[in-house]
Amino acid sequence: GLHRWLQDHHGHFEAVRVKVPVSLHAAATDVGGQGAEPGNRDSFFCLDLPVGPAEPLTRLAAIHRATRTRKDGHDAQLLDDLMRELAKVPPLREFAERALAHPRSFALNVSNVVGPRRPCRVLGARVNELYSLAEIREQHALRIAVVSLCDSLNFGLVADPTLLEDVAGIAADIEAEAAALVAQIKDV
């Protein structure tokens, strides 16, 4: 959907820099071979999200390759390890945190949360849709969070209306691009 929205509002872009949160709670050991601490640890990696290719399936394949490279390289774990080491020198850690949170370090925060794989109920009522409302960073216009539920994907968009007035347009473009992707997959 970003491809279409960017084309309509800003012209052609090959990529958009995004921040991708990563949960490290499942890791048994860190990259340095040390034992993992109990509980959830969240990190992230930044990625130039390919939005340039015209065909939805081509874009999806490019996005998959780019994220797989980052995940296989353990980028989020390495960043977490670095920040833990920098904690020993608080001024350096504070500098790194400010740099990583700066609005120019990424344009958009995107996340994907794996939800229930089987139908579920809350107080006896079947859950048909599930949406994520994730916070946006100061001076950032948009966050997109995708949550899966059984065999559907639900997109939650949170926008700063002073920076992005057309969040409904992005939502419509996401729906249109998802439909185009499904149609292209059926043709393959």
C-alpha atoms as a PDB file:
ATOM      1  CA  GLY A   1       0.000   0.000   0.000  1.00  0.00           C
ATOM      2  CA  LEU A   2       2.922   2.339   0.634  1.00  0.00           C
ATOM      3  CA  HIS A   3       4.033   1.878  -2.974  1.00  0.00           C
ATOM      4  CA  ARG A   4       0.707   3.134  -4.307  1.00  0.00           C
ATOM      5  CA  TRP A   5       0.332   5.932  -1.747  1.00  0.00           C
ATOM      6  CA  LEU A   6       3.881   7.208  -2.313  1.00  0.00           C
ATOM      7  CA  GLN A   7       3.382   7.105  -6.096  1.00  0.00           C
ATOM      8  CA  ASP A   8       0.185   9.154  -5.796  1.00  0.00           C
ATOM      9  CA  HIS A   9       1.514  11.698  -3.287  1.00  0.00           C
ATOM     10  CA  HIS A  10       5.274  11.952  -3.770  1.00  0.00           C
ATOM     11  CA  GLY A  11       6.282  10.202  -6.982  1.00  0.00           C
ATOM     12  CA  HIS A  12       8.539   7.199  -7.408  1.00  0.00           C
ATOM     13  CA  PHE A  13      10.564   5.806  -4.497  1.00  0.00           C
ATOM     14  CA  GLU A  14      12.753   2.705  -4.661  1.00  0.00           C
ATOM     15  CA  ALA A  15      12.804   2.194  -0.883  1.00  0.00           C
ATOM     16  CA  VAL A  16      11.613   3.637   2.419  1.00  0.00           C
ATOM     17  CA  ARG A  17      13.707   3.307   5.583  1.00  0.00           C
ATOM     18  CA  VAL A  18      11.654   1.417   8.187  1.00  0.00           C
ATOM     19  CA  LYS A  19      12.225   0.306  11.758  1.00  0.00           C
ATOM     20  CA  VAL A  20      11.210  -3.302  12.409  1.00  0.00           C
ATOM     21  CA  PRO A  21      10.776  -4.372  16.054  1.00  0.00           C
ATOM     22  CA  VAL A  22      12.032  -7.855  16.932  1.00  0.00           C
ATOM     23  CA  SER A  23      11.235  -9.871  20.050  1.00  0.00           C
ATOM     24  CA  LEU A  24      14.283 -11.657  21.424  1.00  0.00           C
ATOM     25  CA  HIS A  25      12.456 -13.665  24.107  1.00  0.00           C
ATOM     26  CA  ALA A  26      12.795 -16.956  22.249  1.00  0.00           C
ATOM     27  CA  ALA A  27      16.582 -16.827  21.947  1.00  0.00           C
ATOM     28  CA  ALA A  28      18.310 -19.422  24.143  1.00  0.00           C
ATOM     29  CA  THR A  29      21.659 -17.659  23.913  1.00  0.00           C
ATOM     30  CA  ASP A  30      22.806 -14.356  22.575  1.00  0.00           C
ATOM     31  CA  VAL A  31      25.151 -13.982  19.617  1.00  0.00           C
ATOM     32  CA  GLY A  32      28.169 -13.886  21.946  1.00  0.00           C
ATOM     33  CA  GLY A  33      27.208 -17.294  23.347  1.00  0.00           C
ATOM     34  CA  GLN A  34      26.106 -15.994  26.735  1.00  0.00           C
ATOM     35  CA  GLY A  35      22.966 -17.305  28.383  1.00  0.00           C
ATOM     36  CA  ALA A  36      19.827 -15.307  27.705  1.00  0.00           C
ATOM     37  CA  GLU A  37      18.189 -13.421  30.551  1.00  0.00           C
ATOM     38  CA  PRO A  38      14.654 -14.528  31.396  1.00  0.00           C
ATOM     39  CA  GLY A  39      11.716 -12.522  30.062  1.00  0.00           C
ATOM     40  CA  ASN A  40      11.071 -10.587  26.881  1.00  0.00           C
ATOM     41  CA  ARG A  41      13.711  -8.390  25.338  1.00  0.00           C
ATOM     42  CA  ASP A  42      12.801  -6.224  22.414  1.00  0.00           C
ATOM     43  CA  SER A  43      15.188  -4.890  19.846  1.00  0.00           C
ATOM     44  CA  PHE A  44      14.870  -3.852  16.217  1.00  0.00           C
ATOM     45  CA  PHE A  45      16.638  -3.468  12.930  1.00  0.00           C
ATOM     46  CA  CYS A  46      16.295  -0.824  10.256  1.00  0.00           C
ATOM     47  CA  LEU A  47      15.804  -1.775   6.664  1.00  0.00           C
ATOM     48  CA  ASP A  48      15.361  -0.039   3.333  1.00  0.00           C
ATOM     49  CA  LEU A  49      11.925  -1.462   2.498  1.00  0.00           C
ATOM     50  CA  PRO A  50      11.683  -2.044  -1.266  1.00  0.00           C
ATOM     51  CA  VAL A  51       8.622  -0.145  -2.509  1.00  0.00           C
ATOM     52  CA  GLY A  52       9.797   0.554  -6.065  1.00  0.00           C
ATOM     53  CA  PRO A  53       8.991  -2.561  -8.114  1.00  0.00           C
ATOM     54  CA  ALA A  54       5.626  -2.229  -9.840  1.00  0.00           C
ATOM     55  CA  GLU A  55       4.352  -5.792  -9.451  1.00  0.00           C
ATOM     56  CA  PRO A  56       3.061  -6.676  -5.949  1.00  0.00           C
ATOM     57  CA  LEU A  57       4.558 -10.193  -5.995  1.00  0.00           C
ATOM     58  CA  THR A  58       7.956  -8.799  -7.036  1.00  0.00           C
ATOM     59  CA  ARG A  59       7.796  -6.285  -4.158  1.00  0.00           C
ATOM     60  CA  LEU A  60       6.807  -8.999  -1.685  1.00  0.00           C
ATOM     61  CA  ALA A  61       9.732 -11.186  -2.787  1.00  0.00           C
ATOM     62  CA  ALA A  62      12.144  -8.229  -2.458  1.00  0.00           C
ATOM     63  CA  ILE A  63      10.813  -7.424   1.025  1.00  0.00           C
ATOM     64  CA  HIS A  64      11.154 -11.070   2.053  1.00  0.00           C
ATOM     65  CA  ARG A  65      14.773 -11.204   0.842  1.00  0.00           C
ATOM     66  CA  ALA A  66      15.672  -7.948   2.609  1.00  0.00           C
ATOM     67  CA  THR A  67      14.130  -8.954   5.946  1.00  0.00           C
ATOM     68  CA  ARG A  68      15.529 -12.496   5.740  1.00  0.00           C
ATOM     69  CA  THR A  69      19.037 -11.064   5.278  1.00  0.00           C
ATOM     70  CA  ARG A  70      18.623  -8.927   8.416  1.00  0.00           C
ATOM     71  CA  LYS A  71      17.185 -11.784  10.446  1.00  0.00           C
ATOM     72  CA  ASP A  72      19.831 -14.261   9.293  1.00  0.00           C
ATOM     73  CA  GLY A  73      22.496 -11.703  10.217  1.00  0.00           C
ATOM     74  CA  HIS A  74      21.021 -11.401  13.736  1.00  0.00           C
ATOM     75  CA  ASP A  75      20.988  -7.612  13.348  1.00  0.00           C
ATOM     76  CA  ALA A  76      18.458  -7.080  16.155  1.00  0.00           C
ATOM     77  CA  GLN A  77      20.426  -9.296  18.539  1.00  0.00           C
ATOM     78  CA  LEU A  78      23.684  -7.524  17.698  1.00  0.00           C
ATOM     79  CA  LEU A  79      22.070  -4.138  18.352  1.00  0.00           C
ATOM     80  CA  ASP A  80      20.719  -5.411  21.677  1.00  0.00           C
ATOM     81  CA  ASP A  81      24.184  -6.687  22.629  1.00  0.00           C
ATOM     82  CA  LEU A  82      25.736  -3.340  21.668  1.00  0.00           C
ATOM     83  CA  MET A  83      23.216  -1.344  23.708  1.00  0.00           C
ATOM     84  CA  ARG A  84      23.817  -3.588  26.728  1.00  0.00           C
ATOM     85  CA  GLU A  85      27.565  -2.957  26.452  1.00  0.00           C
ATOM     86  CA  LEU A  86      27.004   0.776  26.012  1.00  0.00           C
ATOM     87  CA  ALA A  87      24.981   0.742  29.248  1.00  0.00           C
ATOM     88  CA  LYS A  88      28.343   0.495  30.996  1.00  0.00           C
ATOM     89  CA  VAL A  89      29.095   3.994  29.698  1.00  0.00           C
ATOM     90  CA  PRO A  90      25.812   5.903  30.186  1.00  0.00           C
ATOM     91  CA  PRO A  91      26.725   8.972  28.094  1.00  0.00           C
ATOM     92  CA  LEU A  92      27.495   6.732  25.102  1.00  0.00           C
ATOM     93  CA  ARG A  93      24.280   4.767  25.546  1.00  0.00           C
ATOM     94  CA  GLU A  94      22.233   7.978  25.792  1.00  0.00           C
ATOM     95  CA  PHE A  95      23.881   9.290  22.628  1.00  0.00           C
ATOM     96  CA  ALA A  96      23.168   6.020  20.796  1.00  0.00           C
ATOM     97  CA  GLU A  97      19.540   5.986  21.978  1.00  0.00           C
ATOM     98  CA  ARG A  98      19.013   9.561  20.753  1.00  0.00           C
ATOM     99  CA  ALA A  99      20.601   8.753  17.396  1.00  0.00           C
ATOM    100  CA  LEU A 100      18.509   5.607  16.939  1.00  0.00           C
ATOM    101  CA  ALA A 101      15.283   7.434  17.865  1.00  0.00           C
ATOM    102  CA  HIS A 102      15.962  10.478  15.680  1.00  0.00           C
ATOM    103  CA  PRO A 103      13.184  11.083  13.133  1.00  0.00           C
ATOM    104  CA  ARG A 104      15.663  10.926  10.268  1.00  0.00           C
ATOM    105  CA  SER A 105      16.974   7.478  11.206  1.00  0.00           C
ATOM    106  CA  PHE A 106      13.782   5.870   9.853  1.00  0.00           C
ATOM    107  CA  ALA A 107      10.615   7.063   8.133  1.00  0.00           C
ATOM    108  CA  LEU A 108       8.152   4.536   9.441  1.00  0.00           C
ATOM    109  CA  ASN A 109       7.800   1.834  12.068  1.00  0.00           C
ATOM    110  CA  VAL A 110       6.307  -1.469  10.898  1.00  0.00           C
ATOM    111  CA  SER A 111       5.625  -4.604  12.880  1.00  0.00           C
ATOM    112  CA  ASN A 112       4.123  -8.026  12.376  1.00  0.00           C
ATOM    113  CA  VAL A 113       2.640  -9.877  15.332  1.00  0.00           C
ATOM    114  CA  VAL A 114       1.733 -13.534  15.019  1.00  0.00           C
ATOM    115  CA  GLY A 115      -1.702 -13.990  16.516  1.00  0.00           C
ATOM    116  CA  PRO A 116      -3.736 -17.122  17.219  1.00  0.00           C
ATOM    117  CA  ARG A 117      -3.471 -19.750  14.494  1.00  0.00           C
ATOM    118  CA  ARG A 118      -6.814 -21.318  15.412  1.00  0.00           C
ATOM    119  CA  PRO A 119     -10.185 -19.677  16.019  1.00  0.00           C
ATOM    120  CA  CYS A 120     -10.465 -18.298  19.532  1.00  0.00           C
ATOM    121  CA  ARG A 121     -13.156 -16.881  21.780  1.00  0.00           C
ATOM    122  CA  VAL A 122     -13.347 -14.162  24.393  1.00  0.00           C
ATOM    123  CA  LEU A 123     -16.172 -14.514  26.935  1.00  0.00           C
ATOM    124  CA  GLY A 124     -17.815 -17.005  24.575  1.00  0.00           C
ATOM    125  CA  ALA A 125     -17.783 -14.732  21.515  1.00  0.00           C
ATOM    126  CA  ARG A 126     -15.664 -15.719  18.530  1.00  0.00           C
ATOM    127  CA  VAL A 127     -12.854 -13.292  17.725  1.00  0.00           C
ATOM    128  CA  ASN A 128     -13.231 -12.432  14.031  1.00  0.00           C
ATOM    129  CA  GLU A 129     -10.710  -9.601  13.734  1.00  0.00           C
ATOM    130  CA  LEU A 130      -7.741  -8.439  15.738  1.00  0.00           C
ATOM    131  CA  TYR A 131      -5.961  -5.099  15.277  1.00  0.00           C
ATOM    132  CA  SER A 132      -2.852  -3.685  16.818  1.00  0.00           C
ATOM    133  CA  LEU A 133      -2.595  -0.106  18.005  1.00  0.00           C
ATOM    134  CA  ALA A 134       1.084   0.606  18.334  1.00  0.00           C
ATOM    135  CA  GLU A 135       2.589   3.867  19.472  1.00  0.00           C
ATOM    136  CA  ILE A 136       4.395   6.191  17.102  1.00  0.00           C
ATOM    137  CA  ARG A 137       7.616   8.002  17.880  1.00  0.00           C
ATOM    138  CA  GLU A 138       7.642  11.739  18.335  1.00  0.00           C
ATOM    139  CA  GLN A 139       7.992  13.512  14.969  1.00  0.00           C
ATOM    140  CA  HIS A 140       7.052  10.362  13.057  1.00  0.00           C
ATOM    141  CA  ALA A 141       3.914  10.356  10.976  1.00  0.00           C
ATOM    142  CA  LEU A 142       2.868   6.717  10.811  1.00  0.00           C
ATOM    143  CA  ARG A 143       3.166   3.259  12.320  1.00  0.00           C
ATOM    144  CA  ILE A 144       1.792   0.150  10.672  1.00  0.00           C
ATOM    145  CA  ALA A 145       1.222  -2.992  12.729  1.00  0.00           C
ATOM    146  CA  VAL A 146       0.029  -6.234  11.160  1.00  0.00           C
ATOM    147  CA  VAL A 147      -1.568  -8.947  13.291  1.00  0.00           C
ATOM    148  CA  SER A 148      -2.444 -12.384  11.984  1.00  0.00           C
ATOM    149  CA  LEU A 149      -5.563 -14.201  13.137  1.00  0.00           C
ATOM    150  CA  CYS A 150      -6.077 -17.717  11.781  1.00  0.00           C
ATOM    151  CA  ASP A 151      -5.666 -17.232   8.042  1.00  0.00           C
ATOM    152  CA  SER A 152      -6.227 -13.476   7.864  1.00  0.00           C
ATOM    153  CA  LEU A 153      -4.008 -10.430   8.253  1.00  0.00           C
ATOM    154  CA  ASN A 154      -5.298  -7.309   9.946  1.00  0.00           C
ATOM    155  CA  PHE A 155      -3.531  -3.984   9.493  1.00  0.00           C
ATOM    156  CA  GLY A 156      -3.568  -1.345  12.226  1.00  0.00           C
ATOM    157  CA  LEU A 157      -2.455   2.164  11.299  1.00  0.00           C
ATOM    158  CA  VAL A 158      -1.647   4.860  13.829  1.00  0.00           C
ATOM    159  CA  ALA A 159      -0.877   8.314  12.468  1.00  0.00           C
ATOM    160  CA  ASP A 160      -0.056  11.756  13.765  1.00  0.00           C
ATOM    161  CA  PRO A 161      -2.772  13.831  12.053  1.00  0.00           C
ATOM    162  CA  THR A 162      -0.595  16.940  12.168  1.00  0.00           C
ATOM    163  CA  LEU A 163       1.970  15.162   9.980  1.00  0.00           C
ATOM    164  CA  LEU A 164      -0.222  12.816   7.930  1.00  0.00           C
ATOM    165  CA  GLU A 165      -3.776  13.792   7.096  1.00  0.00           C
ATOM    166  CA  ASP A 166      -4.547  10.983   4.645  1.00  0.00           C
ATOM    167  CA  VAL A 167      -4.277   7.821   6.758  1.00  0.00           C
ATOM    168  CA  ALA A 168      -7.571   6.616   5.245  1.00  0.00           C
ATOM    169  CA  GLY A 169      -5.932   6.863   1.820  1.00  0.00           C
ATOM    170  CA  ILE A 170      -3.041   4.672   2.949  1.00  0.00           C
ATOM    171  CA  ALA A 171      -5.514   2.151   4.396  1.00  0.00           C
ATOM    172  CA  ALA A 172      -7.416   2.068   1.089  1.00  0.00           C
ATOM    173  CA  ASP A 173      -4.144   1.620  -0.816  1.00  0.00           C
ATOM    174  CA  ILE A 174      -3.149  -1.269   1.471  1.00  0.00           C
ATOM    175  CA  GLU A 175      -6.484  -2.964   0.748  1.00  0.00           C
ATOM    176  CA  ALA A 176      -6.092  -2.406  -3.002  1.00  0.00           C
ATOM    177  CA  GLU A 177      -2.501  -3.689  -3.039  1.00  0.00           C
ATOM    178  CA  ALA A 178      -3.447  -6.738  -0.940  1.00  0.00           C
ATOM    179  CA  ALA A 179      -6.222  -7.545  -3.421  1.00  0.00           C
ATOM    180  CA  ALA A 180      -3.766  -7.128  -6.324  1.00  0.00           C
ATOM    181  CA  LEU A 181      -1.282  -9.429  -4.590  1.00  0.00           C
ATOM    182  CA  VAL A 182      -3.927 -12.109  -4.003  1.00  0.00           C
ATOM    183  CA  ALA A 183      -5.062 -11.835  -7.642  1.00  0.00           C
ATOM    184  CA  GLN A 184      -1.471 -12.123  -8.869  1.00  0.00           C
ATOM    185  CA  ILE A 185      -0.851 -15.184  -6.677  1.00  0.00           C
ATOM    186  CA  LYS A 186      -3.996 -16.872  -8.043  1.00  0.00           C
ATOM    187  CA  ASP A 187      -2.662 -16.328 -11.577  1.00  0.00           C
ATOM    188  CA  VAL A 188       0.689 -17.991 -10.778  1.00  0.00           C
END
